Amino acid sequence: MALDAKRYRFTRDDYHQMARAGILKPDVRVELIDGEIVEMNPIGRRHRGTVDRLTAIFAPRVGTRAIVRIQSSIALGDHGEPEPDLVLLRYRADFYVESDEAPEDILLVIEVAETSERYDRRTKAPLYARFGIPELWIVDLNRRRITRYLDPTADGYQSTRIYRRGETLSPLAFPNLMVPVVDILG
């Protein structure tokens, strides 16, 4: 008789306890996705440079209307703590020190993909949609394009559009903030 292997889903509390206990080493890049601890790919120069460009675009333009969080975690339920490359959060005076952000505080998630496009599209995008994150951009460095995801449902994003050089896009939360694709891709 075959038995199905049972998988243990770690909680965010488990994840943080493992980090405090030294089980998760600080120099190893991991994130918690649906209760699984997933090792992240190393960040290359193009990836790092693109994140720096995004920071230079968003930080001065949103000012105190939003918090720009760079390569840091966001809380998604009890079993999720992904680390997107950039997140725009609803502004809060305590900068989320007193309590974690809720999904409704997350205005935009941006993932920069040099080696992770398939993972970002197939694993992370459905996760963000399931938690109602209104907008996701995946910056695909290899194909030199940005895919914008809108209209989240429990089954994924219902709307996607690809943007290329020569085009401009604006976050839903900041429709007057026009971002040329070339400014992101370089």
C-alpha atoms as a PDB file:
ATOM      1  CA  MET A   1       0.000   0.000   0.000  1.00  0.00           C
ATOM      2  CA  ALA A   2       1.465   3.340  -1.081  1.00  0.00           C
ATOM      3  CA  LEU A   3       1.347   6.226   1.318  1.00  0.00           C
ATOM      4  CA  ASP A   4       1.282   9.819   0.232  1.00  0.00           C
ATOM      5  CA  ALA A   5       4.073  11.819   1.797  1.00  0.00           C
ATOM      6  CA  LYS A   6       2.767  14.538   4.042  1.00  0.00           C
ATOM      7  CA  ARG A   7       4.336  17.915   3.639  1.00  0.00           C
ATOM      8  CA  TYR A   8       4.746  20.308   6.512  1.00  0.00           C
ATOM      9  CA  ARG A   9       3.845  23.897   5.735  1.00  0.00           C
ATOM     10  CA  PHE A  10       5.891  26.371   7.735  1.00  0.00           C
ATOM     11  CA  THR A  11       4.172  29.415   9.167  1.00  0.00           C
ATOM     12  CA  ARG A  12       5.654  32.882   9.123  1.00  0.00           C
ATOM     13  CA  ASP A  13       6.333  32.447  12.870  1.00  0.00           C
ATOM     14  CA  ASP A  14       8.223  29.174  12.196  1.00  0.00           C
ATOM     15  CA  TYR A  15      10.198  30.928   9.482  1.00  0.00           C
ATOM     16  CA  HIS A  16      11.245  33.777  11.791  1.00  0.00           C
ATOM     17  CA  GLN A  17      12.114  31.376  14.616  1.00  0.00           C
ATOM     18  CA  MET A  18      14.373  29.414  12.247  1.00  0.00           C
ATOM     19  CA  ALA A  19      16.133  32.639  11.261  1.00  0.00           C
ATOM     20  CA  ARG A  20      16.621  33.679  14.909  1.00  0.00           C
ATOM     21  CA  ALA A  21      17.938  30.200  15.775  1.00  0.00           C
ATOM     22  CA  GLY A  22      20.471  30.346  12.915  1.00  0.00           C
ATOM     23  CA  ILE A  23      18.856  27.529  10.944  1.00  0.00           C
ATOM     24  CA  LEU A  24      18.329  29.980   8.098  1.00  0.00           C
ATOM     25  CA  LYS A  25      21.697  31.602   7.532  1.00  0.00           C
ATOM     26  CA  PRO A  26      21.654  35.380   6.958  1.00  0.00           C
ATOM     27  CA  ASP A  27      23.801  35.107   3.820  1.00  0.00           C
ATOM     28  CA  VAL A  28      21.402  32.654   2.123  1.00  0.00           C
ATOM     29  CA  ARG A  29      18.569  34.368   0.257  1.00  0.00           C
ATOM     30  CA  VAL A  30      15.277  32.583   0.954  1.00  0.00           C
ATOM     31  CA  GLU A  31      11.593  33.444   0.981  1.00  0.00           C
ATOM     32  CA  LEU A  32       8.483  31.732   2.330  1.00  0.00           C
ATOM     33  CA  ILE A  33       6.032  30.774  -0.433  1.00  0.00           C
ATOM     34  CA  ASP A  34       2.845  28.940   0.560  1.00  0.00           C
ATOM     35  CA  GLY A  35       4.582  27.460   3.605  1.00  0.00           C
ATOM     36  CA  GLU A  36       7.684  26.301   1.710  1.00  0.00           C
ATOM     37  CA  ILE A  37      11.095  27.853   2.167  1.00  0.00           C
ATOM     38  CA  VAL A  38      12.437  28.593  -1.296  1.00  0.00           C
ATOM     39  CA  GLU A  39      16.014  29.584  -2.057  1.00  0.00           C
ATOM     40  CA  MET A  40      16.193  32.625  -4.287  1.00  0.00           C
ATOM     41  CA  ASN A  41      18.580  33.034  -7.218  1.00  0.00           C
ATOM     42  CA  PRO A  42      21.599  35.276  -6.735  1.00  0.00           C
ATOM     43  CA  ILE A  43      21.210  38.840  -7.933  1.00  0.00           C
ATOM     44  CA  GLY A  44      23.324  39.748 -10.943  1.00  0.00           C
ATOM     45  CA  ARG A  45      24.472  43.181 -12.092  1.00  0.00           C
ATOM     46  CA  ARG A  46      21.602  43.694 -14.571  1.00  0.00           C
ATOM     47  CA  HIS A  47      19.064  42.713 -11.913  1.00  0.00           C
ATOM     48  CA  ARG A  48      20.648  44.953  -9.291  1.00  0.00           C
ATOM     49  CA  GLY A  49      20.937  47.866 -11.721  1.00  0.00           C
ATOM     50  CA  THR A  50      17.279  47.524 -12.725  1.00  0.00           C
ATOM     51  CA  VAL A  51      16.177  47.558  -9.085  1.00  0.00           C
ATOM     52  CA  ASP A  52      18.290  50.691  -8.594  1.00  0.00           C
ATOM     53  CA  ARG A  53      16.589  52.294 -11.633  1.00  0.00           C
ATOM     54  CA  LEU A  54      13.154  51.415 -10.247  1.00  0.00           C
ATOM     55  CA  THR A  55      14.105  52.931  -6.903  1.00  0.00           C
ATOM     56  CA  ALA A  56      15.279  56.127  -8.608  1.00  0.00           C
ATOM     57  CA  ILE A  57      12.013  56.292 -10.553  1.00  0.00           C
ATOM     58  CA  PHE A  58       9.566  55.639  -7.723  1.00  0.00           C
ATOM     59  CA  ALA A  59      11.104  56.995  -4.517  1.00  0.00           C
ATOM     60  CA  PRO A  60      11.209  60.693  -5.461  1.00  0.00           C
ATOM     61  CA  ARG A  61       7.921  60.623  -7.379  1.00  0.00           C
ATOM     62  CA  VAL A  62       5.674  59.047  -4.753  1.00  0.00           C
ATOM     63  CA  GLY A  63       7.217  60.963  -1.849  1.00  0.00           C
ATOM     64  CA  THR A  64       5.075  60.531   1.234  1.00  0.00           C
ATOM     65  CA  ARG A  65       2.069  59.267  -0.729  1.00  0.00           C
ATOM     66  CA  ALA A  66       3.468  55.714  -0.512  1.00  0.00           C
ATOM     67  CA  ILE A  67       6.323  53.747   0.999  1.00  0.00           C
ATOM     68  CA  VAL A  68       8.801  52.294  -1.479  1.00  0.00           C
ATOM     69  CA  ARG A  69      10.112  48.987  -0.114  1.00  0.00           C
ATOM     70  CA  ILE A  70      13.119  47.512  -1.878  1.00  0.00           C
ATOM     71  CA  GLN A  71      14.022  43.802  -1.849  1.00  0.00           C
ATOM     72  CA  SER A  72      12.317  43.130   1.445  1.00  0.00           C
ATOM     73  CA  SER A  73       9.541  40.838   2.550  1.00  0.00           C
ATOM     74  CA  ILE A  74       5.806  41.343   2.575  1.00  0.00           C
ATOM     75  CA  ALA A  75       3.379  39.438   4.792  1.00  0.00           C
ATOM     76  CA  LEU A  76       0.854  37.315   2.889  1.00  0.00           C
ATOM     77  CA  GLY A  77      -1.239  35.327   5.335  1.00  0.00           C
ATOM     78  CA  ASP A  78       0.178  32.858   7.829  1.00  0.00           C
ATOM     79  CA  HIS A  79       2.263  30.918   5.280  1.00  0.00           C
ATOM     80  CA  GLY A  80       3.705  33.526   2.954  1.00  0.00           C
ATOM     81  CA  GLU A  81       6.541  36.001   3.089  1.00  0.00           C
ATOM     82  CA  PRO A  82       7.862  36.594  -0.413  1.00  0.00           C
ATOM     83  CA  GLU A  83      10.585  39.160  -1.077  1.00  0.00           C
ATOM     84  CA  PRO A  84       9.689  41.125  -4.201  1.00  0.00           C
ATOM     85  CA  ASP A  85      12.199  43.501  -5.732  1.00  0.00           C
ATOM     86  CA  LEU A  86      10.026  46.575  -5.205  1.00  0.00           C
ATOM     87  CA  VAL A  87       6.719  47.162  -3.442  1.00  0.00           C
ATOM     88  CA  LEU A  88       4.644  50.304  -3.179  1.00  0.00           C
ATOM     89  CA  LEU A  89       2.819  50.306   0.152  1.00  0.00           C
ATOM     90  CA  ARG A  90       0.035  52.566   1.317  1.00  0.00           C
ATOM     91  CA  TYR A  91       1.723  55.280   3.366  1.00  0.00           C
ATOM     92  CA  ARG A  92       1.627  54.759   7.122  1.00  0.00           C
ATOM     93  CA  ALA A  93       3.351  57.089   9.601  1.00  0.00           C
ATOM     94  CA  ASP A  94       4.913  54.204  11.552  1.00  0.00           C
ATOM     95  CA  PHE A  95       6.379  52.693   8.338  1.00  0.00           C
ATOM     96  CA  TYR A  96       4.845  49.322   9.356  1.00  0.00           C
ATOM     97  CA  VAL A  97       6.977  49.021  12.482  1.00  0.00           C
ATOM     98  CA  GLU A  98       3.979  48.488  14.795  1.00  0.00           C
ATOM     99  CA  SER A  99       2.383  45.766  12.659  1.00  0.00           C
ATOM    100  CA  ASP A 100       2.866  44.083   9.293  1.00  0.00           C
ATOM    101  CA  GLU A 101       1.224  45.314   6.156  1.00  0.00           C
ATOM    102  CA  ALA A 102      -2.014  43.653   5.120  1.00  0.00           C
ATOM    103  CA  PRO A 103      -2.617  42.720   1.478  1.00  0.00           C
ATOM    104  CA  GLU A 104      -4.857  45.774   1.079  1.00  0.00           C
ATOM    105  CA  ASP A 105      -1.864  47.984   1.976  1.00  0.00           C
ATOM    106  CA  ILE A 106       0.101  46.661  -1.012  1.00  0.00           C
ATOM    107  CA  LEU A 107      -0.471  48.883  -4.031  1.00  0.00           C
ATOM    108  CA  LEU A 108       2.044  47.456  -6.511  1.00  0.00           C
ATOM    109  CA  VAL A 109       4.551  44.605  -6.578  1.00  0.00           C
ATOM    110  CA  ILE A 110       7.438  44.564  -9.061  1.00  0.00           C
ATOM    111  CA  GLU A 111       9.547  41.476  -9.697  1.00  0.00           C
ATOM    112  CA  VAL A 112      12.736  41.825 -11.753  1.00  0.00           C
ATOM    113  CA  ALA A 113      13.428  38.591 -13.604  1.00  0.00           C
ATOM    114  CA  GLU A 114      16.783  37.732 -15.087  1.00  0.00           C
ATOM    115  CA  THR A 115      16.778  34.019 -14.208  1.00  0.00           C
ATOM    116  CA  SER A 116      13.400  33.761 -12.446  1.00  0.00           C
ATOM    117  CA  GLU A 117      10.785  34.831 -15.014  1.00  0.00           C
ATOM    118  CA  ARG A 118       9.058  31.436 -15.156  1.00  0.00           C
ATOM    119  CA  TYR A 119       9.007  31.116 -11.351  1.00  0.00           C
ATOM    120  CA  ASP A 120       7.736  34.684 -10.932  1.00  0.00           C
ATOM    121  CA  ARG A 121       5.001  34.107 -13.518  1.00  0.00           C
ATOM    122  CA  ARG A 122       3.904  30.604 -12.480  1.00  0.00           C
ATOM    123  CA  THR A 123       4.406  30.679  -8.699  1.00  0.00           C
ATOM    124  CA  LYS A 124       4.559  34.217  -7.393  1.00  0.00           C
ATOM    125  CA  ALA A 125       1.965  35.854  -9.685  1.00  0.00           C
ATOM    126  CA  PRO A 126      -0.812  33.417  -8.643  1.00  0.00           C
ATOM    127  CA  LEU A 127       0.166  33.934  -4.989  1.00  0.00           C
ATOM    128  CA  TYR A 128      -0.079  37.726  -5.308  1.00  0.00           C
ATOM    129  CA  ALA A 129      -3.409  37.406  -7.135  1.00  0.00           C
ATOM    130  CA  ARG A 130      -4.833  35.064  -4.500  1.00  0.00           C
ATOM    131  CA  PHE A 131      -4.109  37.703  -1.855  1.00  0.00           C
ATOM    132  CA  GLY A 132      -5.733  40.440  -3.921  1.00  0.00           C
ATOM    133  CA  ILE A 133      -2.608  42.429  -4.771  1.00  0.00           C
ATOM    134  CA  PRO A 134      -4.105  44.793  -7.353  1.00  0.00           C
ATOM    135  CA  GLU A 135      -1.113  45.083  -9.642  1.00  0.00           C
ATOM    136  CA  LEU A 136       2.062  43.158 -10.472  1.00  0.00           C
ATOM    137  CA  TRP A 137       4.804  44.055 -12.935  1.00  0.00           C
ATOM    138  CA  ILE A 138       7.328  41.444 -14.024  1.00  0.00           C
ATOM    139  CA  VAL A 139      10.347  43.096 -15.607  1.00  0.00           C
ATOM    140  CA  ASP A 140      11.772  40.435 -17.924  1.00  0.00           C
ATOM    141  CA  LEU A 141      15.388  41.427 -18.550  1.00  0.00           C
ATOM    142  CA  ASN A 142      16.019  38.704 -21.133  1.00  0.00           C
ATOM    143  CA  ARG A 143      13.051  39.518 -23.349  1.00  0.00           C
ATOM    144  CA  ARG A 144      13.407  43.252 -22.634  1.00  0.00           C
ATOM    145  CA  ARG A 145       9.757  43.706 -21.698  1.00  0.00           C
ATOM    146  CA  ILE A 146       7.442  44.313 -18.754  1.00  0.00           C
ATOM    147  CA  THR A 147       4.326  42.244 -18.191  1.00  0.00           C
ATOM    148  CA  ARG A 148       1.629  44.010 -16.207  1.00  0.00           C
ATOM    149  CA  TYR A 149      -0.926  41.915 -14.312  1.00  0.00           C
ATOM    150  CA  LEU A 150      -4.274  43.357 -13.172  1.00  0.00           C
ATOM    151  CA  ASP A 151      -7.646  42.177 -11.856  1.00  0.00           C
ATOM    152  CA  PRO A 152      -6.618  39.598  -9.238  1.00  0.00           C
ATOM    153  CA  THR A 153      -8.859  36.638  -8.403  1.00  0.00           C
ATOM    154  CA  ALA A 154      -8.384  33.440  -6.432  1.00  0.00           C
ATOM    155  CA  ASP A 155      -7.463  31.773  -9.745  1.00  0.00           C
ATOM    156  CA  GLY A 156      -4.874  34.330 -10.864  1.00  0.00           C
ATOM    157  CA  TYR A 157      -4.789  37.667 -12.621  1.00  0.00           C
ATOM    158  CA  GLN A 158      -7.502  38.105 -15.211  1.00  0.00           C
ATOM    159  CA  SER A 159      -5.738  40.752 -17.255  1.00  0.00           C
ATOM    160  CA  THR A 160      -2.174  40.907 -18.561  1.00  0.00           C
ATOM    161  CA  ARG A 161      -0.455  43.214 -21.005  1.00  0.00           C
ATOM    162  CA  ILE A 162       3.096  43.292 -22.275  1.00  0.00           C
ATOM    163  CA  TYR A 163       4.919  46.628 -22.539  1.00  0.00           C
ATOM    164  CA  ARG A 164       8.025  47.212 -24.635  1.00  0.00           C
ATOM    165  CA  ARG A 165      10.434  50.035 -25.367  1.00  0.00           C
ATOM    166  CA  GLY A 166       8.617  53.104 -26.670  1.00  0.00           C
ATOM    167  CA  GLU A 167       5.645  52.481 -24.386  1.00  0.00           C
ATOM    168  CA  THR A 168       4.757  53.993 -21.022  1.00  0.00           C
ATOM    169  CA  LEU A 169       2.877  52.550 -18.069  1.00  0.00           C
ATOM    170  CA  SER A 170       1.465  53.983 -14.855  1.00  0.00           C
ATOM    171  CA  PRO A 171       0.668  52.247 -11.569  1.00  0.00           C
ATOM    172  CA  LEU A 172      -3.052  52.013 -10.818  1.00  0.00           C
ATOM    173  CA  ALA A 173      -2.490  53.798  -7.512  1.00  0.00           C
ATOM    174  CA  PHE A 174      -0.669  56.675  -9.237  1.00  0.00           C
ATOM    175  CA  PRO A 175      -2.197  57.128 -12.698  1.00  0.00           C
ATOM    176  CA  ASN A 176      -0.365  60.423 -13.274  1.00  0.00           C
ATOM    177  CA  LEU A 177       3.030  58.792 -12.705  1.00  0.00           C
ATOM    178  CA  MET A 178       4.042  57.953 -16.264  1.00  0.00           C
ATOM    179  CA  VAL A 179       6.939  55.480 -16.434  1.00  0.00           C
ATOM    180  CA  PRO A 180       8.606  54.898 -19.811  1.00  0.00           C
ATOM    181  CA  VAL A 181       9.646  51.262 -20.255  1.00  0.00           C
ATOM    182  CA  VAL A 182      13.073  52.410 -21.447  1.00  0.00           C
ATOM    183  CA  ASP A 183      13.626  54.128 -18.075  1.00  0.00           C
ATOM    184  CA  ILE A 184      13.203  50.764 -16.362  1.00  0.00           C
ATOM    185  CA  LEU A 185      15.076  48.596 -18.846  1.00  0.00           C
ATOM    186  CA  GLY A 186      17.826  51.111 -19.541  1.00  0.00           C
END
